[in-house]
C-alpha cells in the first residue's frame, strides 16, 4: 500500500496569532512537494486527512487551507468539508476561465471562503474579487510597491491579503504597514536575539520547573516548592487534580500531595503546559504549541525505534527546542540556568548526537521546512505510517491540553 504524508504551515495574523494551517501534500519523507499531478495531490490530501485521518487534530481546531484545482472544484470535492472549517485555495490557474468563474460563484453562494493563490498582478483576476475571501501573494516574487492598486481594490470588496514567504519579523511589520492582514512563512522560527538580556525571576522559575520535571524519579518536594511560589500554578495544579479524580473525593492538604496524586506522567504534562503558558505570549503561542507537539512526538517515537536509549530525554528536549524563540535569547544562555544532562544540551544547541538527530527529524516533519531534507526514518526502524500516526496523536494531545 502506497503511503502519503502531510506537512503543514501556520498562517498568522498581525499579532502573530495562528488563524489556520495550510495542509501541504508530500509523497515521501523528503519534505518537498513531489512531481505529481496537482489533482492527484489534492485527492490524496483530502482522503488521508478527512476520510482516513483527523483534520481537526492536524489543524489544532483551526481553519484548514486546502489546495483545489479546477478539476476538483467542478467535482465538488470541497463539499466533503464543513464550510466553517476550511478555506478553498485556488491553485493551477493561469487565468479565470468562464467555467472557473461559474464554479467559484457556486461555492461563494454556498458560504465557502475562497483564496486566490499564485497571484501575478494581472487585471484579469479582478473579475473574481466579489467572490474572494483572501488573496495570497508571494512577497519573494512580487515587489510590494507594485501592490498599491490591488490593495485599494481588495479593500473595496472586503478581500483580505496574505503574504507568503515571510522570513523575518521586520518583514512582517513592514507588510502589516502596507496593508497585509495575514502572514505565512518561517519568520516565527527565527530567534530575536537581544544582547545582554537576562531572564526575569518568573521566567527563571518556569525553566527551573521544566528542568525538575525532567528528572526520573521526580523530586516531588522540589516541584511542590516551585509550584507553591506561584498562586496561579498552585490553582492550576488543584484544578488538574480535580479533573483526573475518578469519583472519589480527595482531601488535598498540601501542594506536594496534589503533585504526588497526579503521578509522574500527568504531572509532567501539567508542568509542560503550565510552564510554557507562563513563558509564552500572544506572539509565541504558536511556537509553544509546536514545542508541545514536538515533545510528545519525540517521546513516542523514541519508545518505538532505535532511539530507545534516549527515550528518557526525548520529551524535555522537544519541549525546550524553541525556547530561544520564546525567550528571545540564545539557547546556550538559557541552558546555563538549567542543570540538564549533556545529551540534551548537545541536541538543543548543536542538534548533535542521537538525541539531536531525533529532534532534527521530528522538527522538520512537523514544520514542513522545505529548506532542509528529512533524515531517513528507516535507518532508525521508523516507518512513515507510524510517524504520521503519532503526529496526529500528538496534535490531538496538544489540542486537549491547550483547549480553553
Protein backbone atom coordinates (compact mmCIF):
# COMPACT_ATOMS: atom_id res chain seq x y z
CA UNK A 1 0.00 0.00 0.00
CA UNK A 2 1.43 3.39 -1.00
CA UNK A 3 1.88 5.92 1.80
CA UNK A 4 1.07 9.61 1.79
CA UNK A 5 2.49 12.30 4.01
CA UNK A 6 1.32 15.68 5.22
CA UNK A 7 3.23 18.79 6.24
CA UNK A 8 1.57 21.94 7.48
CA UNK A 9 2.40 25.61 7.82
CA UNK A 10 0.76 28.11 10.11
CA UNK A 11 -0.96 31.27 8.84
CA UNK A 12 -0.84 34.11 11.36
CA UNK A 13 -2.46 37.49 11.85
CA UNK A 14 -0.78 40.82 12.64
CA UNK A 15 -0.44 39.88 16.30
CA UNK A 16 1.20 36.57 15.37
CA UNK A 17 -1.87 34.61 16.42
CA UNK A 18 -2.49 31.45 14.41
CA UNK A 19 -5.69 31.66 12.36
CA UNK A 20 -5.20 28.43 10.43
CA UNK A 21 -2.84 25.99 8.75
CA UNK A 22 -2.17 25.27 5.12
CA UNK A 23 -2.01 21.50 4.68
CA UNK A 24 0.71 20.51 2.24
CA UNK A 25 0.80 17.20 0.39
CA UNK A 26 4.06 15.23 0.39
CA UNK A 27 4.75 11.78 -1.11
CA UNK A 28 7.86 10.82 0.87
CA UNK A 29 9.86 11.69 3.95
CA UNK A 30 11.59 14.42 1.92
CA UNK A 31 9.63 17.48 2.94
CA UNK A 32 9.09 18.95 -0.52
CA UNK A 33 6.24 18.95 -3.00
CA UNK A 34 6.57 15.91 -5.27
CA UNK A 35 6.47 15.81 -9.05
CA UNK A 36 2.83 14.80 -9.21
CA UNK A 37 -0.36 15.98 -10.85
CA UNK A 38 -1.92 18.65 -8.57
CA UNK A 39 -5.30 16.91 -8.93
CA UNK A 40 -3.87 13.70 -7.51
CA UNK A 41 -2.17 15.61 -4.70
CA UNK A 42 -5.43 17.28 -3.69
CA UNK A 43 -7.29 13.97 -3.76
CA UNK A 44 -4.73 12.21 -1.58
CA UNK A 45 -4.71 15.08 0.90
CA UNK A 46 -8.49 15.00 1.21
CA UNK A 47 -8.70 11.23 1.52
CA UNK A 48 -5.94 10.93 4.09
CA UNK A 49 -6.98 13.78 6.33
CA UNK A 50 -10.73 13.83 6.01
CA UNK A 51 -11.78 10.25 5.41
CA UNK A 52 -8.95 8.22 6.98
CA UNK A 53 -7.46 10.79 9.30
CA UNK A 54 -8.42 13.63 11.57
CA UNK A 55 -8.11 17.06 10.01
CA UNK A 56 -9.21 18.80 13.20
CA UNK A 57 -6.26 17.31 15.04
CA UNK A 58 -3.77 18.32 12.36
CA UNK A 59 -5.01 21.91 12.47
CA UNK A 60 -5.44 22.04 16.26
CA UNK A 61 -9.03 23.09 15.72
CA UNK A 62 -8.07 25.99 13.45
CA UNK A 63 -9.09 26.59 9.83
CA UNK A 64 -7.59 24.26 7.22
CA UNK A 65 -6.36 25.91 4.00
CA UNK A 66 -6.55 23.26 1.27
CA UNK A 67 -5.44 23.48 -2.37
CA UNK A 68 -8.06 22.67 -5.01
CA UNK A 69 -7.54 22.60 -8.75
CA UNK A 70 -10.37 23.44 -11.14
CA UNK A 71 -10.98 19.72 -11.73
CA UNK A 72 -11.73 19.05 -8.06
CA UNK A 73 -13.79 22.18 -7.68
CA UNK A 74 -16.03 21.03 -10.53
CA UNK A 75 -16.30 17.57 -8.99
CA UNK A 76 -17.49 19.13 -5.71
CA UNK A 77 -14.67 17.80 -3.51
CA UNK A 78 -14.81 20.82 -1.15
CA UNK A 79 -18.34 19.75 -0.20
CA UNK A 80 -16.73 16.91 1.78
CA UNK A 81 -15.81 19.57 4.32
CA UNK A 82 -17.82 21.76 6.64
CA UNK A 83 -17.63 25.27 5.15
CA UNK A 84 -16.70 26.64 8.58
CA UNK A 85 -13.56 24.52 8.81
CA UNK A 86 -11.77 25.17 5.51
CA UNK A 87 -10.64 27.81 3.06
CA UNK A 88 -10.61 26.72 -0.59
CA UNK A 89 -7.25 27.68 -2.13
CA UNK A 90 -7.32 28.02 -5.92
CA UNK A 91 -4.18 26.54 -7.49
CA UNK A 92 -3.04 25.74 -11.00
CA UNK A 93 -4.95 28.56 -12.72
CA UNK A 94 -3.25 30.85 -15.25
CA UNK A 95 -6.37 32.94 -15.84
CA UNK A 96 -10.03 32.80 -14.79
CA UNK A 97 -11.94 30.74 -17.34
CA UNK A 98 -15.72 31.09 -17.64
CA UNK A 99 -16.04 27.65 -16.08
CA UNK A 100 -13.82 28.65 -13.13
CA UNK A 101 -15.79 31.85 -12.52
CA UNK A 102 -19.03 29.88 -12.54
CA UNK A 103 -17.82 27.27 -10.03
CA UNK A 104 -16.33 29.95 -7.72
CA UNK A 105 -19.68 31.72 -7.69
CA UNK A 106 -21.25 28.39 -6.75
CA UNK A 107 -19.00 27.91 -3.70
CA UNK A 108 -19.33 31.55 -2.71
CA UNK A 109 -23.12 31.22 -2.67
CA UNK A 110 -22.73 28.05 -0.58
CA UNK A 111 -20.86 30.09 2.03
CA UNK A 112 -17.36 28.73 1.43
CA UNK A 113 -14.35 31.03 1.80
CA UNK A 114 -12.12 31.17 -1.27
CA UNK A 115 -8.47 32.20 -1.51
CA UNK A 116 -6.68 33.06 -4.75
CA UNK A 117 -3.07 31.85 -4.75
CA UNK A 118 -0.27 32.33 -7.30
CA UNK A 119 -1.48 35.91 -7.86
CA UNK A 120 0.57 37.68 -10.58
CA UNK A 121 -0.89 41.24 -10.66
CA UNK A 122 -2.78 40.55 -13.90
CA UNK A 123 -6.02 42.57 -14.14
CA UNK A 124 -7.98 39.57 -15.43
CA UNK A 125 -8.19 38.35 -11.81
CA UNK A 126 -10.29 41.38 -10.86
CA UNK A 127 -13.43 39.55 -12.02
CA UNK A 128 -13.04 37.21 -9.03
CA UNK A 129 -12.81 39.93 -6.37
CA UNK A 130 -16.55 39.88 -5.45
CA UNK A 131 -16.25 36.19 -4.55
CA UNK A 132 -12.88 36.06 -2.77
CA UNK A 133 -12.13 35.92 0.92
CA UNK A 134 -8.36 36.17 0.56
CA UNK A 135 -5.55 36.79 -1.94
CA UNK A 136 -2.19 35.19 -1.18
CA UNK A 137 0.90 36.96 -2.52
CA UNK A 138 4.42 35.56 -2.72
CA UNK A 139 6.46 38.53 -1.47
CA UNK A 140 9.63 36.97 -2.89
CA UNK A 141 8.22 37.21 -6.41
CA UNK A 142 6.21 40.44 -6.27
CA UNK A 143 7.58 43.77 -5.05
CA UNK A 144 5.10 45.19 -2.55
CA UNK A 145 5.48 48.64 -4.12
CA UNK A 146 3.55 47.28 -7.12
CA UNK A 147 0.56 46.30 -4.98
CA UNK A 148 -0.94 49.72 -4.33
CA UNK A 149 -3.72 49.32 -6.90
CA UNK A 150 -4.57 45.81 -5.68
CA UNK A 151 -4.73 46.91 -2.04
CA UNK A 152 -7.31 49.55 -2.89
CA UNK A 153 -9.45 47.17 -4.95
CA UNK A 154 -9.21 44.41 -2.35
CA UNK A 155 -10.35 46.73 0.43
CA UNK A 156 -13.33 47.91 -1.58
CA UNK A 157 -14.51 44.28 -1.88
CA UNK A 158 -13.61 43.29 1.68
CA UNK A 159 -10.91 40.90 0.45
CA UNK A 160 -8.06 40.17 2.86
CA UNK A 161 -4.39 39.93 1.85
CA UNK A 162 -1.94 37.25 2.99
CA UNK A 163 1.82 37.43 2.45
CA UNK A 164 3.65 34.19 1.68
CA UNK A 165 7.40 33.54 2.15
CA UNK A 166 7.74 35.95 5.09
CA UNK A 167 11.10 35.26 6.71
CA UNK A 168 11.78 37.95 9.32
CA UNK A 169 9.88 39.85 12.00
CA UNK A 170 10.94 43.14 10.37
CA UNK A 171 9.47 41.99 7.07
CA UNK A 172 6.19 41.14 8.79
CA UNK A 173 5.99 44.60 10.38
CA UNK A 174 6.65 46.31 7.03
CA UNK A 175 3.99 44.23 5.28
CA UNK A 176 1.46 44.96 8.00
CA UNK A 177 2.02 48.68 7.48
CA UNK A 178 1.36 48.26 3.75
CA UNK A 179 -1.98 46.59 4.43
CA UNK A 180 -1.45 42.82 4.69
CA UNK A 181 -3.72 41.00 7.13
CA UNK A 182 -2.16 37.55 7.34
CA UNK A 183 1.33 36.12 7.06
CA UNK A 184 2.82 32.75 6.20
CA UNK A 185 6.44 31.69 6.30
CA UNK A 186 9.23 30.80 8.66
CA UNK A 187 9.65 34.19 10.33
CA UNK A 188 8.31 32.97 13.65
CA UNK A 189 11.05 30.35 13.85
CA UNK A 190 13.78 33.00 13.75
CA UNK A 191 15.23 33.83 17.18
CA UNK A 192 15.23 37.52 18.01
CA UNK A 193 18.49 37.80 19.92
CA UNK A 194 18.72 40.64 22.42
CA UNK A 195 22.30 41.24 23.52
CA UNK A 196 22.85 41.15 27.24
CA UNK A 197 19.28 40.12 28.08
CA UNK A 198 18.70 38.27 31.35
CA UNK A 199 15.76 36.21 32.45
CA UNK A 200 13.11 37.71 34.70
CA UNK A 201 12.57 35.87 38.02
CA UNK A 202 9.26 34.35 36.86
CA UNK A 203 10.81 33.01 33.65
CA UNK A 204 13.77 31.60 35.55
CA UNK A 205 11.30 29.90 37.89
CA UNK A 206 9.43 28.33 34.97
CA UNK A 207 12.64 27.00 33.44
CA UNK A 208 13.56 25.56 36.83
CA UNK A 209 10.17 23.85 36.92
CA UNK A 210 10.66 22.33 33.46
CA UNK A 211 14.16 21.21 34.43
CA UNK A 212 12.89 19.50 37.59
CA UNK A 213 10.20 17.69 35.62
CA UNK A 214 12.91 16.01 33.53
CA UNK A 215 14.26 14.06 36.48
CA UNK A 216 13.46 10.38 36.94
CA UNK A 217 12.22 9.72 39.52
CA UNK A 218 10.61 13.10 40.15
CA UNK A 219 11.55 15.05 43.25
CA UNK A 220 8.05 15.95 44.44
CA UNK A 221 9.43 18.15 47.24
CA UNK A 222 11.36 20.32 44.76
CA UNK A 223 8.42 20.59 42.36
CA UNK A 224 6.00 21.41 45.16
CA UNK A 225 8.29 24.19 46.37
CA UNK A 226 8.38 25.80 42.91
CA UNK A 227 4.62 25.50 42.43
CA UNK A 228 3.96 26.99 45.86
CA UNK A 229 5.73 30.21 44.84
CA UNK A 230 3.10 30.96 42.19
CA UNK A 231 -0.59 31.21 43.08
CA UNK A 232 -1.78 30.59 39.52
CA UNK A 233 0.34 27.46 39.21
CA UNK A 234 -0.97 26.17 42.52
CA UNK A 235 -4.58 26.80 41.45
CA UNK A 236 -3.88 25.12 38.12
CA UNK A 237 -2.47 22.07 39.87
CA UNK A 238 -5.53 21.73 42.10
CA UNK A 239 -7.84 22.03 39.08
CA UNK A 240 -5.84 19.32 37.35
CA UNK A 241 -6.27 17.03 40.37
CA UNK A 242 -10.00 17.66 40.27
CA UNK A 243 -10.15 16.87 36.54
CA UNK A 244 -8.45 13.48 36.92
CA UNK A 245 -10.39 12.38 40.00
CA UNK A 246 -12.38 9.20 39.40
CA UNK A 247 -15.34 9.96 41.63
CA UNK A 248 -13.57 9.54 44.94
CA UNK A 249 -13.20 12.87 46.68
CA UNK A 250 -9.59 13.51 47.63
CA UNK A 251 -8.83 15.77 50.60
CA UNK A 252 -5.72 17.64 49.44
CA UNK A 253 -3.70 19.06 52.32
CA UNK A 254 -0.58 20.26 50.51
CA UNK A 255 0.83 21.15 47.11
CA UNK A 256 3.20 18.16 47.39
CA UNK A 257 0.24 15.83 47.98
CA UNK A 258 -1.55 17.25 44.95
CA UNK A 259 1.54 16.76 42.79
CA UNK A 260 2.04 13.21 44.05
CA UNK A 261 -1.65 12.38 43.47
CA UNK A 262 -1.29 13.17 39.78
CA UNK A 263 1.62 10.80 39.39
CA UNK A 264 4.73 11.37 37.29
CA UNK A 265 3.19 11.12 33.81
CA UNK A 266 0.29 13.52 34.36
CA UNK A 267 2.43 15.88 36.44
CA UNK A 268 4.93 16.16 33.59
CA UNK A 269 2.10 17.04 31.22
CA UNK A 270 0.84 19.63 33.69
CA UNK A 271 4.30 21.14 34.04
CA UNK A 272 4.70 21.27 30.25
CA UNK A 273 1.54 23.21 29.51
CA UNK A 274 1.61 25.50 32.56
CA UNK A 275 5.27 26.43 32.27
CA UNK A 276 5.02 27.12 28.55
CA UNK A 277 1.89 29.24 29.03
CA UNK A 278 3.80 31.35 31.55
CA UNK A 279 6.78 31.76 29.22
CA UNK A 280 4.82 32.44 26.06
CA UNK A 281 2.67 35.33 24.95
CA UNK A 282 0.36 36.04 22.02
CA UNK A 283 3.42 36.34 19.81
CA UNK A 284 4.80 32.93 20.77
CA UNK A 285 1.65 30.88 21.30
CA UNK A 286 2.11 29.02 18.00
CA UNK A 287 5.71 28.16 18.89
CA UNK A 288 4.67 26.91 22.33
CA UNK A 289 2.13 24.55 20.74
CA UNK A 290 4.70 23.29 18.26
CA UNK A 291 7.06 22.63 21.20
CA UNK A 292 4.42 20.54 22.94
CA UNK A 293 3.75 18.52 19.79
CA UNK A 294 7.49 18.09 19.20
CA UNK A 295 7.95 16.88 22.79
CA UNK A 296 5.13 14.36 22.57
CA UNK A 297 6.11 13.09 19.12
CA UNK A 298 9.77 12.68 20.10
CA UNK A 299 8.80 10.81 23.24
CA UNK A 300 6.50 8.39 21.43
CA UNK A 301 8.89 7.76 18.53
CA UNK A 302 11.82 7.17 20.88
CA UNK A 303 9.95 4.35 22.61
CA UNK A 304 9.22 2.55 19.32
CA UNK A 305 12.50 2.74 17.45
CA UNK A 306 16.29 2.65 17.61
CA UNK A 307 16.12 5.87 19.63
CA UNK A 308 15.15 3.95 22.79
CA UNK A 309 18.43 4.75 24.52
CA UNK A 310 17.46 8.46 24.60
CA UNK A 311 13.75 7.99 25.39
CA UNK A 312 14.12 9.43 28.90
CA UNK A 313 15.44 12.69 27.42
CA UNK A 314 13.14 12.95 24.40
CA UNK A 315 10.16 14.79 25.91
CA UNK A 316 12.05 17.62 27.62
CA UNK A 317 14.32 18.08 24.57
CA UNK A 318 11.32 18.64 22.34
CA UNK A 319 9.70 20.89 24.94
CA UNK A 320 12.76 23.13 25.12
CA UNK A 321 13.54 23.06 21.40
CA UNK A 322 12.06 26.50 20.65
CA UNK A 323 13.00 28.28 23.89
CA UNK A 324 15.37 30.67 22.13
CA UNK A 325 12.43 31.95 20.09
CA UNK A 326 10.02 32.10 23.04
CA UNK A 327 12.51 33.88 25.31
CA UNK A 328 14.38 35.79 22.58
CA UNK A 329 17.72 34.61 23.96
CA UNK A 330 20.47 32.33 22.66
CA UNK A 331 19.88 28.70 23.61
CA UNK A 332 23.30 28.42 25.27
CA UNK A 333 22.45 31.30 27.61
CA UNK A 334 19.10 29.74 28.53
CA UNK A 335 20.63 26.35 29.30
CA UNK A 336 23.12 27.90 31.72
CA UNK A 337 20.16 28.35 34.07
CA UNK A 338 19.13 24.69 33.81
CA UNK A 339 21.06 21.66 35.11
CA UNK A 340 20.37 19.39 32.14
CA UNK A 341 22.10 16.23 31.00
CA UNK A 342 24.85 16.66 28.41
CA UNK A 343 22.97 14.84 25.60
CA UNK A 344 20.07 17.30 25.99
CA UNK A 345 22.37 20.31 25.81
CA UNK A 346 24.19 18.95 22.75
CA UNK A 347 20.91 18.22 21.00
CA UNK A 348 19.42 21.66 21.71
CA UNK A 349 22.49 23.73 20.86
CA UNK A 350 24.16 21.72 18.09
CA UNK A 351 21.49 19.15 17.03
CA UNK A 352 24.22 16.58 17.61
CA UNK A 353 24.17 13.05 18.95
CA UNK A 354 21.36 10.53 18.67
CA UNK A 355 19.00 12.87 20.53
CA UNK A 356 19.89 15.70 18.15
CA UNK A 357 19.06 13.52 15.15
CA UNK A 358 15.66 12.68 16.62
CA UNK A 359 14.97 16.36 17.32
CA UNK A 360 16.01 17.40 13.81
CA UNK A 361 13.90 14.74 12.11
CA UNK A 362 10.84 15.45 14.23
CA UNK A 363 11.07 19.22 13.81
CA UNK A 364 11.37 19.05 10.04
CA UNK A 365 8.44 16.67 9.83
CA UNK A 366 6.14 18.90 11.88
CA UNK A 367 7.07 22.27 10.40
CA UNK A 368 7.30 21.33 6.74
CA UNK A 369 10.64 23.14 6.48
CA UNK A 370 11.45 22.89 2.78
CA UNK A 371 14.92 24.29 3.36
CA UNK A 372 16.13 21.06 4.91
CA UNK A 373 15.85 17.43 3.88
CA UNK A 374 14.49 14.89 6.31
CA UNK A 375 16.72 12.18 7.71
CA UNK A 376 15.83 8.69 6.57
CA UNK A 377 13.44 7.37 9.18
CA UNK A 378 14.01 3.80 8.09
CA UNK A 379 17.61 3.97 9.34
CA UNK A 380 16.19 4.02 12.86
CA UNK A 381 13.43 1.42 12.41
CA UNK A 382 10.74 4.05 11.95
CA UNK A 383 8.09 3.78 9.27
CA UNK A 384 6.38 6.76 7.68
CA UNK A 385 3.00 5.32 8.66
CA UNK A 386 3.99 5.22 12.34
CA UNK A 387 5.33 8.76 12.27
CA UNK A 388 2.19 10.14 10.65
CA UNK A 389 0.03 8.23 13.14
CA UNK A 390 1.99 9.55 16.12
CA UNK A 391 1.97 13.07 14.68
CA UNK A 392 -1.83 13.07 14.57
CA UNK A 393 -1.92 11.61 18.09
CA UNK A 394 0.47 14.29 19.38
CA UNK A 395 -1.62 17.02 17.75
CA UNK A 396 -4.75 15.69 19.45
CA UNK A 397 -2.91 15.59 22.78
CA UNK A 398 -1.73 19.18 22.38
CA UNK A 399 -5.24 20.30 21.40
CA UNK A 400 -6.67 18.70 24.54
CA UNK A 401 -4.02 20.27 26.76
CA UNK A 402 -4.44 23.77 25.35
CA UNK A 403 -8.20 23.72 24.97
CA UNK A 404 -9.76 26.69 26.74
